Every structure is written in structure tokens, then in C-alpha cells.
Amino acid sequence: MSEGPVSFEMLDGAEEVAARAADVILSAADSAICGHGHFHLVLVGGRMPLAAYARLVGAAADWDRWHNIFFGDERFIRRRALPDGR
């Protein structure tokens, strides 16, 4: 994980956010494929990212090099919060 400065973008609405998110994912995929030969992605659930994911469908991408697409959960649960201490 990068420890550099964080940058923010002000976008005009949900559609612009979805378009920007899809562009960032595709750009990261291109960069990873050029540098490592493959791309890994963790998808989050919920409704918020659906518009971005929909924009990826049919996008010009080297899909054969998209490996290990995971489903993630961005929620945080403290280790001691679970009954068995996991």
C-alpha cells in the first residue's frame, strides 16, 4: 500500500464517479499487465460500485490477463469482537 500523499477529485455526480472509477480500474489493469503480465482486482459489494462495474463490461481490456478477481469486504471487525477470538 502506498504511503504517499492522498489526492482528491471533485466530481459532479454519481455517473461521473462511476466513469472515473472505471477509468482508474482500467488504467491500473493496463499498468499492472505491462509491468507484471497480469492484473488482480478486489471487488466490493453493495450498490455503489455497480455503475462502475457496468462500465467495465465491453471495455477494451486484455481480459485474459485479469487474474484472481476477488470479492472483498471493506468493513472492519476487531479481532476480539468475534466469540472465538478470530
N, C-alpha and C. Protein backbone atom coordinates (compact mmCIF):
# COMPACT_ATOMS: atom_id res chain seq x y z
N MET A 1 0.84 -1.17 0.00
CA MET A 1 0.00 0.00 0.00
C MET A 1 0.88 1.23 0.00
N SER A 2 0.54 2.19 -0.82
CA SER A 2 1.31 3.42 -0.94
C SER A 2 1.16 4.27 0.32
N GLU A 3 2.24 4.89 0.74
CA GLU A 3 2.20 5.77 1.88
C GLU A 3 2.42 7.21 1.47
N GLY A 4 2.26 7.50 0.18
CA GLY A 4 2.46 8.85 -0.32
C GLY A 4 1.25 9.73 -0.03
N PRO A 5 1.29 10.95 -0.51
CA PRO A 5 0.19 11.88 -0.27
C PRO A 5 -1.10 11.39 -0.94
N VAL A 6 -2.20 11.75 -0.34
CA VAL A 6 -3.51 11.38 -0.86
C VAL A 6 -4.03 12.53 -1.71
N SER A 7 -4.60 12.22 -2.85
CA SER A 7 -5.19 13.26 -3.69
C SER A 7 -6.70 13.03 -3.80
N PHE A 8 -7.42 14.09 -3.99
CA PHE A 8 -8.86 14.04 -4.10
C PHE A 8 -9.30 14.68 -5.40
N GLU A 9 -10.43 14.22 -5.92
CA GLU A 9 -11.03 14.82 -7.10
C GLU A 9 -12.46 15.18 -6.77
N MET A 10 -12.89 16.33 -7.20
CA MET A 10 -14.28 16.73 -7.05
C MET A 10 -15.00 16.39 -8.36
N LEU A 11 -16.01 15.55 -8.26
CA LEU A 11 -16.76 15.12 -9.44
C LEU A 11 -18.20 15.58 -9.28
N ASP A 12 -18.90 15.72 -10.41
CA ASP A 12 -20.22 16.36 -10.41
C ASP A 12 -21.38 15.46 -10.06
N GLY A 13 -21.21 14.17 -10.03
CA GLY A 13 -22.33 13.31 -9.69
C GLY A 13 -21.97 11.85 -9.80
N ALA A 14 -22.96 11.01 -9.55
CA ALA A 14 -22.76 9.57 -9.50
C ALA A 14 -22.23 9.01 -10.82
N GLU A 15 -22.75 9.49 -11.94
CA GLU A 15 -22.28 8.98 -13.24
C GLU A 15 -20.83 9.33 -13.50
N GLU A 16 -20.45 10.54 -13.10
CA GLU A 16 -19.06 10.94 -13.30
C GLU A 16 -18.13 10.13 -12.37
N VAL A 17 -18.60 9.83 -11.16
CA VAL A 17 -17.82 8.99 -10.24
C VAL A 17 -17.66 7.59 -10.82
N ALA A 18 -18.74 7.03 -11.36
CA ALA A 18 -18.67 5.69 -11.95
C ALA A 18 -17.71 5.67 -13.13
N ALA A 19 -17.79 6.66 -13.98
CA ALA A 19 -16.91 6.72 -15.14
C ALA A 19 -15.45 6.84 -14.72
N ARG A 20 -15.19 7.68 -13.72
CA ARG A 20 -13.81 7.87 -13.24
C ARG A 20 -13.29 6.58 -12.59
N ALA A 21 -14.13 5.93 -11.80
CA ALA A 21 -13.72 4.68 -11.16
C ALA A 21 -13.37 3.63 -12.20
N ALA A 22 -14.20 3.48 -13.22
CA ALA A 22 -13.92 2.51 -14.27
C ALA A 22 -12.62 2.85 -14.99
N ASP A 23 -12.40 4.14 -15.26
CA ASP A 23 -11.15 4.57 -15.90
C ASP A 23 -9.94 4.23 -15.05
N VAL A 24 -10.05 4.45 -13.74
CA VAL A 24 -8.93 4.16 -12.83
C VAL A 24 -8.64 2.65 -12.82
N ILE A 25 -9.70 1.84 -12.78
CA ILE A 25 -9.51 0.38 -12.79
C ILE A 25 -8.84 -0.07 -14.08
N LEU A 26 -9.32 0.43 -15.21
CA LEU A 26 -8.74 0.04 -16.50
C LEU A 26 -7.29 0.51 -16.63
N SER A 27 -7.01 1.70 -16.14
CA SER A 27 -5.64 2.21 -16.18
C SER A 27 -4.72 1.38 -15.29
N ALA A 28 -5.20 1.02 -14.10
CA ALA A 28 -4.41 0.17 -13.20
C ALA A 28 -4.17 -1.20 -13.83
N ALA A 29 -5.18 -1.73 -14.51
CA ALA A 29 -5.03 -3.02 -15.18
C ALA A 29 -3.96 -2.94 -16.26
N ASP A 30 -4.01 -1.90 -17.09
CA ASP A 30 -3.01 -1.74 -18.14
C ASP A 30 -1.61 -1.64 -17.56
N SER A 31 -1.47 -0.85 -16.49
CA SER A 31 -0.17 -0.66 -15.86
C SER A 31 0.36 -1.97 -15.27
N ALA A 32 -0.51 -2.71 -14.59
CA ALA A 32 -0.10 -3.98 -13.99
C ALA A 32 0.28 -5.01 -15.05
N ILE A 33 -0.50 -5.07 -16.12
CA ILE A 33 -0.23 -6.03 -17.19
C ILE A 33 1.09 -5.69 -17.87
N CYS A 34 1.34 -4.40 -18.10
CA CYS A 34 2.62 -4.01 -18.72
C CYS A 34 3.80 -4.33 -17.80
N GLY A 35 3.61 -4.15 -16.50
CA GLY A 35 4.71 -4.35 -15.57
C GLY A 35 4.89 -5.77 -15.08
N HIS A 36 3.78 -6.51 -14.96
CA HIS A 36 3.84 -7.85 -14.36
C HIS A 36 3.23 -8.95 -15.20
N GLY A 37 2.54 -8.58 -16.26
CA GLY A 37 1.94 -9.58 -17.12
C GLY A 37 0.54 -10.01 -16.72
N HIS A 38 0.04 -9.48 -15.58
CA HIS A 38 -1.30 -9.85 -15.13
C HIS A 38 -1.86 -8.76 -14.20
N PHE A 39 -3.13 -8.86 -13.90
CA PHE A 39 -3.81 -7.88 -13.05
C PHE A 39 -4.71 -8.61 -12.06
N HIS A 40 -4.67 -8.20 -10.81
CA HIS A 40 -5.54 -8.73 -9.77
C HIS A 40 -6.48 -7.62 -9.33
N LEU A 41 -7.71 -7.99 -9.00
CA LEU A 41 -8.71 -6.99 -8.61
C LEU A 41 -9.56 -7.53 -7.47
N VAL A 42 -9.85 -6.67 -6.50
CA VAL A 42 -10.76 -6.99 -5.42
C VAL A 42 -12.02 -6.16 -5.62
N LEU A 43 -13.15 -6.84 -5.79
CA LEU A 43 -14.43 -6.16 -5.97
C LEU A 43 -15.11 -5.99 -4.62
N VAL A 44 -15.74 -4.85 -4.43
CA VAL A 44 -16.52 -4.63 -3.21
C VAL A 44 -17.99 -4.81 -3.55
N GLY A 45 -18.78 -5.09 -2.54
CA GLY A 45 -20.20 -5.31 -2.76
C GLY A 45 -21.02 -4.04 -2.61
N GLY A 46 -22.30 -4.24 -2.57
CA GLY A 46 -23.22 -3.11 -2.42
C GLY A 46 -23.62 -2.52 -3.75
N ARG A 47 -24.45 -1.53 -3.69
CA ARG A 47 -24.94 -0.88 -4.91
C ARG A 47 -24.02 0.18 -5.46
N MET A 48 -23.24 0.80 -4.58
CA MET A 48 -22.43 1.93 -5.00
C MET A 48 -21.51 1.63 -6.19
N PRO A 49 -20.77 0.52 -6.22
CA PRO A 49 -19.84 0.30 -7.33
C PRO A 49 -20.48 -0.29 -8.59
N LEU A 50 -21.76 -0.63 -8.56
CA LEU A 50 -22.37 -1.32 -9.71
C LEU A 50 -22.26 -0.53 -11.01
N ALA A 51 -22.44 0.78 -10.96
CA ALA A 51 -22.36 1.58 -12.18
C ALA A 51 -20.94 1.56 -12.76
N ALA A 52 -19.94 1.55 -11.88
CA ALA A 52 -18.56 1.47 -12.36
C ALA A 52 -18.30 0.10 -12.99
N TYR A 53 -18.77 -0.97 -12.32
CA TYR A 53 -18.58 -2.31 -12.87
C TYR A 53 -19.28 -2.45 -14.21
N ALA A 54 -20.47 -1.87 -14.33
CA ALA A 54 -21.21 -1.94 -15.59
C ALA A 54 -20.43 -1.29 -16.73
N ARG A 55 -19.68 -0.25 -16.41
CA ARG A 55 -18.87 0.42 -17.44
C ARG A 55 -17.68 -0.44 -17.89
N LEU A 56 -17.27 -1.38 -17.06
CA LEU A 56 -16.17 -2.27 -17.44
C LEU A 56 -16.61 -3.30 -18.48
N VAL A 57 -17.89 -3.64 -18.45
CA VAL A 57 -18.42 -4.63 -19.39
C VAL A 57 -18.26 -4.09 -20.81
N GLY A 58 -17.60 -4.83 -21.64
CA GLY A 58 -17.41 -4.41 -23.03
C GLY A 58 -16.27 -3.44 -23.23
N ALA A 59 -15.57 -3.08 -22.16
CA ALA A 59 -14.42 -2.18 -22.30
C ALA A 59 -13.28 -2.89 -23.03
N ALA A 60 -12.49 -2.11 -23.72
CA ALA A 60 -11.32 -2.65 -24.40
C ALA A 60 -10.25 -2.93 -23.35
N ALA A 61 -10.10 -4.19 -22.99
CA ALA A 61 -9.13 -4.58 -21.97
C ALA A 61 -8.56 -5.94 -22.35
N ASP A 62 -7.40 -6.23 -21.82
CA ASP A 62 -6.75 -7.52 -22.05
C ASP A 62 -7.27 -8.51 -21.00
N TRP A 63 -8.54 -8.90 -21.15
CA TRP A 63 -9.24 -9.70 -20.15
C TRP A 63 -8.54 -11.01 -19.80
N ASP A 64 -7.83 -11.59 -20.74
CA ASP A 64 -7.13 -12.85 -20.47
C ASP A 64 -6.05 -12.69 -19.41
N ARG A 65 -5.62 -11.47 -19.16
CA ARG A 65 -4.57 -11.23 -18.17
C ARG A 65 -5.12 -10.69 -16.85
N TRP A 66 -6.44 -10.63 -16.74
CA TRP A 66 -7.07 -10.27 -15.46
C TRP A 66 -7.19 -11.56 -14.67
N HIS A 67 -6.32 -11.77 -13.71
CA HIS A 67 -6.28 -13.00 -12.91
C HIS A 67 -6.78 -12.69 -11.51
N ASN A 68 -7.26 -13.71 -10.82
CA ASN A 68 -7.59 -13.60 -9.41
C ASN A 68 -8.46 -12.39 -9.09
N ILE A 69 -9.69 -12.45 -9.53
CA ILE A 69 -10.64 -11.41 -9.17
C ILE A 69 -11.35 -11.89 -7.90
N PHE A 70 -11.18 -11.13 -6.83
CA PHE A 70 -11.69 -11.50 -5.51
C PHE A 70 -12.90 -10.65 -5.16
N PHE A 71 -13.70 -11.15 -4.25
CA PHE A 71 -14.75 -10.36 -3.63
C PHE A 71 -14.25 -9.98 -2.25
N GLY A 72 -14.27 -8.70 -1.96
CA GLY A 72 -13.77 -8.21 -0.68
C GLY A 72 -14.88 -7.64 0.18
N ASP A 73 -14.53 -7.38 1.40
CA ASP A 73 -15.46 -6.76 2.34
C ASP A 73 -14.68 -5.66 3.06
N GLU A 74 -15.05 -4.43 2.81
CA GLU A 74 -14.29 -3.31 3.34
C GLU A 74 -14.63 -2.98 4.80
N ARG A 75 -15.58 -3.70 5.38
CA ARG A 75 -15.91 -3.45 6.78
C ARG A 75 -14.80 -3.96 7.69
N PHE A 76 -14.67 -3.36 8.82
CA PHE A 76 -13.63 -3.73 9.78
C PHE A 76 -14.28 -4.32 11.02
N ILE A 77 -13.81 -5.48 11.41
CA ILE A 77 -14.26 -6.12 12.64
C ILE A 77 -13.03 -6.36 13.50
N ARG A 78 -13.05 -5.82 14.71
CA ARG A 78 -11.92 -6.03 15.60
C ARG A 78 -11.77 -7.51 15.92
N ARG A 79 -10.55 -7.94 16.05
CA ARG A 79 -10.24 -9.35 16.30
C ARG A 79 -10.96 -9.86 17.54
N ARG A 80 -11.01 -9.11 18.60
CA ARG A 80 -11.63 -9.55 19.84
C ARG A 80 -13.15 -9.51 19.79
N ALA A 81 -13.72 -8.98 18.72
CA ALA A 81 -15.18 -8.86 18.64
C ALA A 81 -15.84 -10.19 18.33
N LEU A 82 -15.11 -11.14 17.79
CA LEU A 82 -15.69 -12.42 17.45
C LEU A 82 -15.63 -13.37 18.64
N PRO A 83 -16.66 -14.19 18.84
CA PRO A 83 -16.72 -15.08 20.02
C PRO A 83 -15.53 -16.01 20.16
N ASP A 84 -14.99 -16.51 19.07
CA ASP A 84 -13.88 -17.46 19.18
C ASP A 84 -12.50 -16.78 19.11
N GLY A 85 -12.49 -15.46 19.13
CA GLY A 85 -11.24 -14.72 19.15
C GLY A 85 -10.52 -14.59 17.81
N ARG A 86 -11.17 -15.05 16.73
CA ARG A 86 -10.55 -14.91 15.41
C ARG A 86 -10.38 -13.47 15.05
